[in-house]
């Protein structure tokens, strides 16, 4: 029985404190404000403010209105610009990396061509290396075009946001 009474008291007191409260705003002679749960000193201007803690669930109407706020829109656009600028730099580095990898692979294949003998077997070997070089070039060309298209899209979107 004592446990049930104790539990009831705890539940009632937690509900009373969870929903609302008050605080004191104390202003000194120089205009500096302090906020406290305790009353202000005698030589300070005192103001009691109340607050209510929301349940954290915003209505859809309130949520929709908050996104219509010009400050929110400005911040959203600024954040998108920042994301695009970072993404553009990343894409540019990726393009440079792909070009470097392609150049490296092609240089290795050209070096192998120097070892081909001047006979039929050497000619066949050179032909297979040439085919492999074309394949490498096409493979990287497709990857580079894909990254370039994405980079162009990002730059276009950034220019649209800047206008």
N, C-alpha and C. Protein backbone atom coordinates (compact mmCIF):
# COMPACT_ATOMS: atom_id res chain seq x y z
N UNK A 1 0.83 -1.19 0.00
CA UNK A 1 0.00 0.00 0.00
C UNK A 1 0.87 1.26 0.00
N UNK A 2 1.93 1.26 0.82
CA UNK A 2 2.83 2.41 0.86
C UNK A 2 3.49 2.62 -0.50
N UNK A 3 3.80 1.51 -1.16
CA UNK A 3 4.44 1.60 -2.47
C UNK A 3 3.51 2.27 -3.48
N UNK A 4 2.22 1.93 -3.45
CA UNK A 4 1.25 2.52 -4.38
C UNK A 4 1.10 4.02 -4.12
N UNK A 5 1.08 4.43 -2.87
CA UNK A 5 0.98 5.85 -2.54
C UNK A 5 2.24 6.58 -3.03
N UNK A 6 3.39 5.97 -2.78
CA UNK A 6 4.66 6.56 -3.22
C UNK A 6 4.68 6.71 -4.74
N UNK A 7 4.24 5.67 -5.43
CA UNK A 7 4.21 5.70 -6.89
C UNK A 7 3.26 6.77 -7.40
N UNK A 8 2.10 6.91 -6.76
CA UNK A 8 1.13 7.92 -7.15
C UNK A 8 1.68 9.33 -6.95
N UNK A 9 2.37 9.56 -5.83
CA UNK A 9 2.97 10.86 -5.56
C UNK A 9 4.03 11.18 -6.60
N UNK A 10 4.86 10.22 -6.94
CA UNK A 10 5.92 10.42 -7.95
C UNK A 10 5.29 10.77 -9.30
N UNK A 11 4.29 10.04 -9.70
CA UNK A 11 3.66 10.29 -11.00
C UNK A 11 3.02 11.67 -11.06
N UNK A 12 2.33 12.07 -10.01
CA UNK A 12 1.68 13.38 -10.00
C UNK A 12 2.70 14.51 -9.99
N UNK A 13 3.77 14.35 -9.24
CA UNK A 13 4.77 15.42 -9.17
C UNK A 13 5.54 15.53 -10.48
N UNK A 14 5.81 14.43 -11.15
CA UNK A 14 6.55 14.50 -12.41
C UNK A 14 5.69 15.15 -13.49
N UNK A 15 4.38 14.91 -13.46
CA UNK A 15 3.51 15.55 -14.44
C UNK A 15 3.42 17.05 -14.21
N UNK A 16 3.43 17.46 -12.97
CA UNK A 16 3.34 18.88 -12.66
C UNK A 16 4.59 19.62 -13.14
N UNK A 17 5.76 19.00 -13.05
CA UNK A 17 6.99 19.67 -13.44
C UNK A 17 7.29 19.52 -14.92
N UNK A 18 6.75 18.53 -15.58
CA UNK A 18 7.10 18.28 -16.96
C UNK A 18 6.47 19.26 -17.93
N UNK A 19 5.31 19.79 -17.62
CA UNK A 19 4.59 20.58 -18.59
C UNK A 19 4.88 22.06 -18.61
N UNK A 20 5.17 22.68 -17.47
CA UNK A 20 5.34 24.13 -17.46
C UNK A 20 6.23 24.54 -16.30
N UNK A 21 6.56 25.83 -16.26
CA UNK A 21 7.38 26.34 -15.18
C UNK A 21 7.54 27.83 -15.30
N UNK A 22 8.40 28.38 -14.45
CA UNK A 22 8.67 29.82 -14.51
C UNK A 22 10.13 30.06 -14.19
N UNK A 23 10.60 31.25 -14.56
CA UNK A 23 11.96 31.64 -14.25
C UNK A 23 11.99 33.15 -14.03
N UNK A 24 13.03 33.61 -13.38
CA UNK A 24 13.17 35.02 -13.05
C UNK A 24 14.20 35.66 -13.99
N UNK A 25 13.86 36.83 -14.51
CA UNK A 25 14.79 37.61 -15.31
C UNK A 25 15.18 38.80 -14.43
N UNK A 26 16.47 38.84 -14.06
CA UNK A 26 16.96 39.88 -13.16
C UNK A 26 17.84 40.84 -13.97
N UNK A 27 17.53 42.14 -13.87
CA UNK A 27 18.29 43.16 -14.59
C UNK A 27 18.98 44.07 -13.58
N UNK A 28 20.31 44.18 -13.68
CA UNK A 28 21.03 45.04 -12.72
C UNK A 28 21.04 46.49 -13.22
N UNK A 29 21.70 47.36 -12.48
CA UNK A 29 21.70 48.79 -12.79
C UNK A 29 22.33 49.10 -14.14
N UNK A 30 23.26 48.26 -14.60
CA UNK A 30 23.92 48.49 -15.90
C UNK A 30 23.17 47.85 -17.07
N UNK A 31 22.08 47.19 -16.80
CA UNK A 31 21.27 46.60 -17.85
C UNK A 31 21.60 45.16 -18.18
N UNK A 32 22.52 44.54 -17.43
CA UNK A 32 22.87 43.15 -17.66
C UNK A 32 21.79 42.24 -17.10
N UNK A 33 21.38 41.28 -17.90
CA UNK A 33 20.31 40.36 -17.49
C UNK A 33 20.90 39.03 -17.07
N UNK A 34 20.29 38.46 -16.04
CA UNK A 34 20.60 37.09 -15.62
C UNK A 34 19.29 36.35 -15.49
N UNK A 35 19.35 35.06 -15.72
CA UNK A 35 18.17 34.22 -15.67
C UNK A 35 18.36 33.20 -14.57
N UNK A 36 17.34 33.04 -13.73
CA UNK A 36 17.49 32.17 -12.58
C UNK A 36 16.16 31.57 -12.18
N UNK A 37 16.23 30.46 -11.48
CA UNK A 37 15.02 29.88 -10.91
C UNK A 37 14.74 30.48 -9.53
N UNK A 38 15.72 31.23 -9.00
CA UNK A 38 15.59 31.89 -7.71
C UNK A 38 15.16 33.34 -7.90
N UNK A 39 14.48 33.93 -6.91
CA UNK A 39 14.08 35.35 -7.01
C UNK A 39 15.31 36.26 -7.11
N UNK A 40 15.11 37.46 -7.67
CA UNK A 40 16.20 38.41 -7.88
C UNK A 40 16.58 39.09 -6.57
N UNK A 41 17.78 39.67 -6.55
CA UNK A 41 18.23 40.45 -5.40
C UNK A 41 17.40 41.72 -5.31
N UNK A 42 17.42 42.35 -4.16
CA UNK A 42 16.60 43.53 -3.91
C UNK A 42 16.98 44.70 -4.82
N UNK A 43 18.26 44.84 -5.17
CA UNK A 43 18.70 45.97 -5.97
C UNK A 43 18.57 45.72 -7.48
N UNK A 44 17.91 44.65 -7.91
CA UNK A 44 17.74 44.32 -9.32
C UNK A 44 16.27 44.38 -9.71
N UNK A 45 16.04 44.75 -10.94
CA UNK A 45 14.69 44.73 -11.48
C UNK A 45 14.32 43.27 -11.73
N UNK A 46 13.15 42.88 -11.30
CA UNK A 46 12.75 41.48 -11.38
C UNK A 46 11.55 41.32 -12.30
N UNK A 47 11.60 40.27 -13.10
CA UNK A 47 10.48 39.93 -13.97
C UNK A 47 10.36 38.42 -13.97
N UNK A 48 9.14 37.92 -13.77
CA UNK A 48 8.91 36.48 -13.75
C UNK A 48 8.28 36.09 -15.08
N UNK A 49 8.91 35.13 -15.74
CA UNK A 49 8.41 34.63 -17.03
C UNK A 49 7.96 33.19 -16.83
N UNK A 50 6.94 32.81 -17.54
CA UNK A 50 6.47 31.42 -17.50
C UNK A 50 6.72 30.77 -18.85
N UNK A 51 6.81 29.48 -18.84
CA UNK A 51 7.00 28.73 -20.08
C UNK A 51 6.22 27.44 -20.00
N UNK A 52 5.96 26.89 -21.16
CA UNK A 52 5.29 25.61 -21.25
C UNK A 52 6.11 24.73 -22.17
N UNK A 53 6.39 23.52 -21.72
CA UNK A 53 7.16 22.58 -22.51
C UNK A 53 6.20 21.86 -23.44
N UNK A 54 6.50 21.93 -24.74
CA UNK A 54 5.62 21.24 -25.69
C UNK A 54 5.95 19.76 -25.70
N UNK A 55 5.08 19.00 -26.25
CA UNK A 55 5.30 17.55 -26.32
C UNK A 55 6.24 17.16 -27.44
N UNK A 56 6.72 18.15 -28.22
CA UNK A 56 7.68 17.87 -29.28
C UNK A 56 7.03 17.51 -30.60
N UNK A 57 5.70 17.44 -30.64
CA UNK A 57 5.00 17.10 -31.87
C UNK A 57 4.39 18.37 -32.43
N UNK A 58 4.89 18.82 -33.55
CA UNK A 58 4.36 20.03 -34.18
C UNK A 58 3.25 19.65 -35.14
N UNK A 59 2.25 20.47 -35.22
CA UNK A 59 1.18 20.19 -36.16
C UNK A 59 1.71 20.40 -37.57
N UNK A 60 1.06 19.79 -38.53
CA UNK A 60 1.54 19.93 -39.91
C UNK A 60 1.38 21.35 -40.38
N UNK A 61 0.37 22.07 -39.90
CA UNK A 61 0.18 23.46 -40.30
C UNK A 61 1.34 24.31 -39.79
N UNK A 62 1.73 24.12 -38.53
CA UNK A 62 2.85 24.87 -37.98
C UNK A 62 4.15 24.52 -38.69
N UNK A 63 4.35 23.26 -39.00
CA UNK A 63 5.58 22.84 -39.68
C UNK A 63 5.63 23.46 -41.07
N UNK A 64 4.48 23.51 -41.75
CA UNK A 64 4.45 24.08 -43.09
C UNK A 64 4.70 25.58 -43.04
N UNK A 65 4.15 26.26 -42.05
CA UNK A 65 4.36 27.69 -41.93
C UNK A 65 5.81 28.03 -41.65
N UNK A 66 6.47 27.22 -40.85
CA UNK A 66 7.85 27.54 -40.51
C UNK A 66 8.77 27.45 -41.73
N UNK A 67 8.47 26.59 -42.68
CA UNK A 67 9.32 26.50 -43.87
C UNK A 67 9.05 27.64 -44.85
N UNK A 68 7.93 28.35 -44.66
CA UNK A 68 7.64 29.50 -45.50
C UNK A 68 8.37 30.75 -45.03
N UNK A 69 8.99 30.66 -43.89
CA UNK A 69 9.71 31.79 -43.31
C UNK A 69 10.88 32.18 -44.22
N UNK A 70 11.03 33.46 -44.55
CA UNK A 70 12.14 33.89 -45.42
C UNK A 70 13.52 33.54 -44.85
N UNK A 71 13.67 33.61 -43.55
CA UNK A 71 14.97 33.26 -42.94
C UNK A 71 15.27 31.78 -43.15
N UNK A 72 14.25 30.96 -43.02
CA UNK A 72 14.43 29.52 -43.24
C UNK A 72 14.82 29.27 -44.70
N UNK A 73 14.12 29.92 -45.61
CA UNK A 73 14.40 29.73 -47.04
C UNK A 73 15.82 30.18 -47.38
N UNK A 74 16.22 31.32 -46.82
CA UNK A 74 17.57 31.82 -47.06
C UNK A 74 18.62 30.84 -46.54
N UNK A 75 18.38 30.31 -45.35
CA UNK A 75 19.32 29.35 -44.76
C UNK A 75 19.36 28.06 -45.58
N UNK A 76 18.20 27.61 -46.04
CA UNK A 76 18.14 26.39 -46.85
C UNK A 76 18.92 26.56 -48.15
N UNK A 77 18.76 27.72 -48.80
CA UNK A 77 19.48 27.99 -50.04
C UNK A 77 20.98 28.08 -49.79
N UNK A 78 21.35 28.75 -48.70
CA UNK A 78 22.76 28.87 -48.35
C UNK A 78 23.38 27.49 -48.09
N UNK A 79 22.67 26.64 -47.38
CA UNK A 79 23.16 25.28 -47.13
C UNK A 79 23.30 24.48 -48.42
N UNK A 80 22.34 24.64 -49.32
CA UNK A 80 22.41 23.91 -50.60
C UNK A 80 23.60 24.39 -51.42
N UNK A 81 23.84 25.73 -51.41
CA UNK A 81 25.01 26.26 -52.11
C UNK A 81 26.29 25.62 -51.58
N UNK A 82 26.40 25.58 -50.26
CA UNK A 82 27.58 25.00 -49.62
C UNK A 82 27.75 23.54 -50.02
N UNK A 83 26.65 22.77 -50.00
CA UNK A 83 26.70 21.36 -50.40
C UNK A 83 27.15 21.23 -51.85
N UNK A 84 26.61 22.07 -52.73
CA UNK A 84 26.98 22.01 -54.14
C UNK A 84 28.44 22.37 -54.35
N UNK A 85 28.92 23.40 -53.66
CA UNK A 85 30.33 23.79 -53.80
C UNK A 85 31.25 22.65 -53.37
N UNK A 86 30.91 21.98 -52.27
CA UNK A 86 31.71 20.84 -51.82
C UNK A 86 31.65 19.70 -52.83
N UNK A 87 30.46 19.45 -53.34
CA UNK A 87 30.28 18.37 -54.30
C UNK A 87 31.02 18.67 -55.61
N UNK A 88 31.03 19.93 -56.02
CA UNK A 88 31.74 20.31 -57.24
C UNK A 88 33.23 20.07 -57.06
N UNK A 89 33.76 20.48 -55.93
CA UNK A 89 35.20 20.26 -55.67
C UNK A 89 35.52 18.76 -55.67
N UNK A 90 34.64 17.97 -55.08
CA UNK A 90 34.85 16.52 -55.05
C UNK A 90 34.82 15.95 -56.47
N UNK A 91 33.88 16.38 -57.27
CA UNK A 91 33.79 15.90 -58.65
C UNK A 91 35.00 16.31 -59.47
N UNK A 92 35.49 17.53 -59.25
CA UNK A 92 36.68 17.98 -59.97
C UNK A 92 37.89 17.13 -59.59
N UNK A 93 38.02 16.81 -58.30
CA UNK A 93 39.13 15.94 -57.87
C UNK A 93 38.98 14.55 -58.47
N UNK A 94 37.74 14.06 -58.54
CA UNK A 94 37.49 12.74 -59.12
C UNK A 94 37.87 12.73 -60.60
N UNK A 95 37.53 13.80 -61.32
CA UNK A 95 37.91 13.90 -62.74
C UNK A 95 39.42 13.86 -62.91
N UNK A 96 40.12 14.63 -62.09
CA UNK A 96 41.59 14.64 -62.16
C UNK A 96 42.15 13.25 -61.86
N UNK A 97 41.57 12.58 -60.88
CA UNK A 97 42.03 11.24 -60.53
C UNK A 97 41.80 10.25 -61.65
N UNK A 98 40.63 10.30 -62.26
CA UNK A 98 40.34 9.39 -63.38
C UNK A 98 41.28 9.64 -64.56
N UNK A 99 41.50 10.91 -64.86
CA UNK A 99 42.41 11.23 -65.97
C UNK A 99 43.81 10.72 -65.66
N UNK A 100 44.26 10.89 -64.42
CA UNK A 100 45.58 10.41 -64.02
C UNK A 100 45.69 8.90 -64.09
N UNK A 101 44.63 8.20 -63.66
CA UNK A 101 44.64 6.73 -63.73
C UNK A 101 44.69 6.26 -65.16
N UNK A 102 43.89 6.90 -66.02
CA UNK A 102 43.89 6.52 -67.43
C UNK A 102 45.27 6.75 -68.04
N UNK A 103 45.87 7.89 -67.80
CA UNK A 103 47.20 8.19 -68.34
C UNK A 103 48.23 7.16 -67.85
N UNK A 104 48.12 6.78 -66.59
CA UNK A 104 49.05 5.80 -66.02
C UNK A 104 48.91 4.44 -66.69
N UNK A 105 47.67 3.99 -66.85
CA UNK A 105 47.45 2.69 -67.49
C UNK A 105 47.91 2.70 -68.95
N UNK A 106 47.64 3.79 -69.64
CA UNK A 106 48.07 3.88 -71.04
C UNK A 106 49.59 3.92 -71.15
N UNK A 107 50.24 4.60 -70.21
CA UNK A 107 51.71 4.66 -70.22
C UNK A 107 52.31 3.27 -70.01
N UNK A 108 51.69 2.47 -69.13
CA UNK A 108 52.18 1.10 -68.89
C UNK A 108 52.03 0.26 -70.15
N UNK A 109 50.89 0.43 -70.83
CA UNK A 109 50.67 -0.35 -72.06
C UNK A 109 51.64 0.08 -73.17
N UNK A 110 51.91 1.37 -73.27
CA UNK A 110 52.87 1.85 -74.29
C UNK A 110 54.28 1.31 -73.99
N UNK A 111 54.59 1.23 -72.71
CA UNK A 111 55.90 0.70 -72.34
C UNK A 111 56.02 -0.77 -72.75
N UNK A 112 54.91 -1.50 -72.62
CA UNK A 112 54.92 -2.91 -73.05
C UNK A 112 55.12 -3.03 -74.55
N UNK A 113 54.59 -2.06 -75.31
CA UNK A 113 54.74 -2.10 -76.77
C UNK A 113 56.22 -2.03 -77.18
N UNK A 114 57.02 -1.36 -76.40
CA UNK A 114 58.44 -1.25 -76.71
C UNK A 114 59.16 -2.60 -76.64
N UNK A 115 58.59 -3.55 -75.94
CA UNK A 115 59.23 -4.85 -75.79
C UNK A 115 58.80 -5.85 -76.87
N UNK A 116 57.89 -5.42 -77.75
CA UNK A 116 57.44 -6.34 -78.80
C UNK A 116 58.55 -6.52 -79.84
N UNK A 117 58.75 -7.78 -80.23
CA UNK A 117 59.78 -8.08 -81.24
C UNK A 117 59.32 -7.64 -82.62
N UNK A 118 60.27 -7.48 -83.50
CA UNK A 118 59.97 -7.05 -84.86
C UNK A 118 59.73 -8.28 -85.74
N UNK A 119 58.67 -9.03 -85.40
CA UNK A 119 58.30 -10.20 -86.19
C UNK A 119 56.78 -10.37 -86.10
N UNK A 120 56.25 -11.47 -86.60
CA UNK A 120 54.81 -11.68 -86.61
C UNK A 120 54.25 -11.76 -85.20
N UNK A 121 54.95 -12.45 -84.32
CA UNK A 121 54.48 -12.55 -82.94
C UNK A 121 54.47 -11.15 -82.30
N UNK A 122 55.48 -10.36 -82.56
CA UNK A 122 55.56 -9.01 -82.03
C UNK A 122 54.44 -8.13 -82.56
N UNK A 123 54.12 -8.30 -83.83
CA UNK A 123 53.04 -7.52 -84.44
C UNK A 123 51.69 -7.89 -83.82
N UNK A 124 51.50 -9.18 -83.59
CA UNK A 124 50.26 -9.64 -82.95
C UNK A 124 50.17 -9.09 -81.53
N UNK A 125 51.29 -9.11 -80.83
CA UNK A 125 51.34 -8.59 -79.46
C UNK A 125 51.04 -7.08 -79.46
N UNK A 126 51.62 -6.35 -80.41
CA UNK A 126 51.35 -4.91 -80.51
C UNK A 126 49.87 -4.66 -80.78
N UNK A 127 49.28 -5.48 -81.64
CA UNK A 127 47.87 -5.32 -81.97
C UNK A 127 47.00 -5.56 -80.73
N UNK A 128 47.32 -6.58 -79.95
CA UNK A 128 46.53 -6.86 -78.74
C UNK A 128 46.69 -5.72 -77.72
N UNK A 129 47.89 -5.15 -77.64
CA UNK A 129 48.11 -4.01 -76.73
C UNK A 129 47.32 -2.78 -77.21
N UNK A 130 47.29 -2.58 -78.52
CA UNK A 130 46.53 -1.45 -79.07
C UNK A 130 45.03 -1.60 -78.77
N UNK A 131 44.54 -2.83 -78.90
CA UNK A 131 43.14 -3.10 -78.58
C UNK A 131 42.86 -2.85 -77.10
N UNK A 132 43.79 -3.29 -76.27
CA UNK A 132 43.65 -3.09 -74.83
C UNK A 132 43.69 -1.59 -74.50
N UNK A 133 44.53 -0.83 -75.20
CA UNK A 133 44.60 0.62 -74.97
C UNK A 133 43.29 1.30 -75.37
N UNK A 134 42.69 0.84 -76.46
CA UNK A 134 41.40 1.39 -76.86
C UNK A 134 40.33 1.07 -75.82
N UNK A 135 40.37 -0.13 -75.31
CA UNK A 135 39.41 -0.55 -74.29
C UNK A 135 39.55 0.30 -73.03
N UNK A 136 40.79 0.50 -72.60
CA UNK A 136 41.04 1.32 -71.41
C UNK A 136 40.55 2.75 -71.64
N UNK A 137 40.86 3.28 -72.82
CA UNK A 137 40.45 4.65 -73.15
C UNK A 137 38.93 4.78 -73.13
N UNK A 138 38.23 3.82 -73.73
CA UNK A 138 36.76 3.87 -73.76
C UNK A 138 36.17 3.73 -72.35
N UNK A 139 36.75 2.84 -71.57
CA UNK A 139 36.28 2.63 -70.19
C UNK A 139 36.38 3.93 -69.40
N UNK A 140 37.54 4.55 -69.44
CA UNK A 140 37.74 5.79 -68.69
C UNK A 140 36.94 6.94 -69.30
N UNK A 141 36.80 6.93 -70.61
CA UNK A 141 36.04 7.98 -71.28
C UNK A 141 34.59 7.99 -70.78
N UNK A 142 33.99 6.81 -70.65
CA UNK A 142 32.62 6.71 -70.14
C UNK A 142 32.53 7.20 -68.69
N UNK A 143 33.48 6.79 -67.87
CA UNK A 143 33.47 7.21 -66.46
C UNK A 143 33.68 8.72 -66.35
N UNK A 144 34.58 9.26 -67.15
CA UNK A 144 34.87 10.69 -67.12
C UNK A 144 33.65 11.49 -67.60
N UNK A 145 32.99 11.01 -68.66
CA UNK A 145 31.79 11.68 -69.15
C UNK A 145 30.69 11.70 -68.10
N UNK A 146 30.54 10.59 -67.39
CA UNK A 146 29.52 10.51 -66.34
C UNK A 146 29.79 11.54 -65.24
N UNK A 147 31.03 11.61 -64.79
CA UNK A 147 31.39 12.58 -63.74
C UNK A 147 31.26 13.99 -64.28
N UNK A 148 31.64 14.22 -65.53
CA UNK A 148 31.54 15.55 -66.14
C UNK A 148 30.08 15.99 -66.24
N UNK A 149 29.19 15.06 -66.61
CA UNK A 149 27.76 15.39 -66.67
C UNK A 149 27.23 15.80 -65.30
N UNK A 150 27.62 15.05 -64.28
CA UNK A 150 27.20 15.37 -62.91
C UNK A 150 27.77 16.72 -62.49
N UNK A 151 29.01 16.99 -62.84
CA UNK A 151 29.65 18.26 -62.51
C UNK A 151 28.92 19.42 -63.20
N UNK A 152 28.55 19.24 -64.45
CA UNK A 152 27.80 20.28 -65.18
C UNK A 152 26.44 20.52 -64.54
N UNK A 153 25.77 19.44 -64.12
CA UNK A 153 24.47 19.58 -63.46
C UNK A 153 24.61 20.36 -62.16
N UNK A 154 25.64 20.04 -61.38
CA UNK A 154 25.87 20.73 -60.11
C UNK A 154 26.18 22.22 -60.34
N UNK A 155 27.00 22.50 -61.33
CA UNK A 155 27.34 23.90 -61.64
C UNK A 155 26.10 24.67 -62.09
N UNK A 156 25.25 24.03 -62.88
CA UNK A 156 24.03 24.68 -63.34
C UNK A 156 23.12 24.99 -62.15
N UNK A 157 22.94 24.01 -61.26
CA UNK A 157 22.10 24.22 -60.08
C UNK A 157 22.65 25.33 -59.20
N UNK A 158 23.98 25.37 -59.05
CA UNK A 158 24.60 26.43 -58.26
C UNK A 158 24.36 27.79 -58.90
N UNK A 159 24.46 27.88 -60.22
CA UNK A 159 24.23 29.16 -60.90
C UNK A 159 22.77 29.58 -60.75
N UNK A 160 21.85 28.63 -60.74
CA UNK A 160 20.42 28.94 -60.54
C UNK A 160 20.18 29.48 -59.13
N UNK A 161 20.86 28.94 -58.14
CA UNK A 161 20.70 29.39 -56.77
C UNK A 161 21.31 30.78 -56.56
N UNK A 162 22.33 31.11 -57.33
CA UNK A 162 23.01 32.39 -57.17
C UNK A 162 22.22 33.54 -57.77
N UNK A 163 21.30 33.23 -58.65
CA UNK A 163 20.51 34.30 -59.31
C UNK A 163 19.39 34.79 -58.44
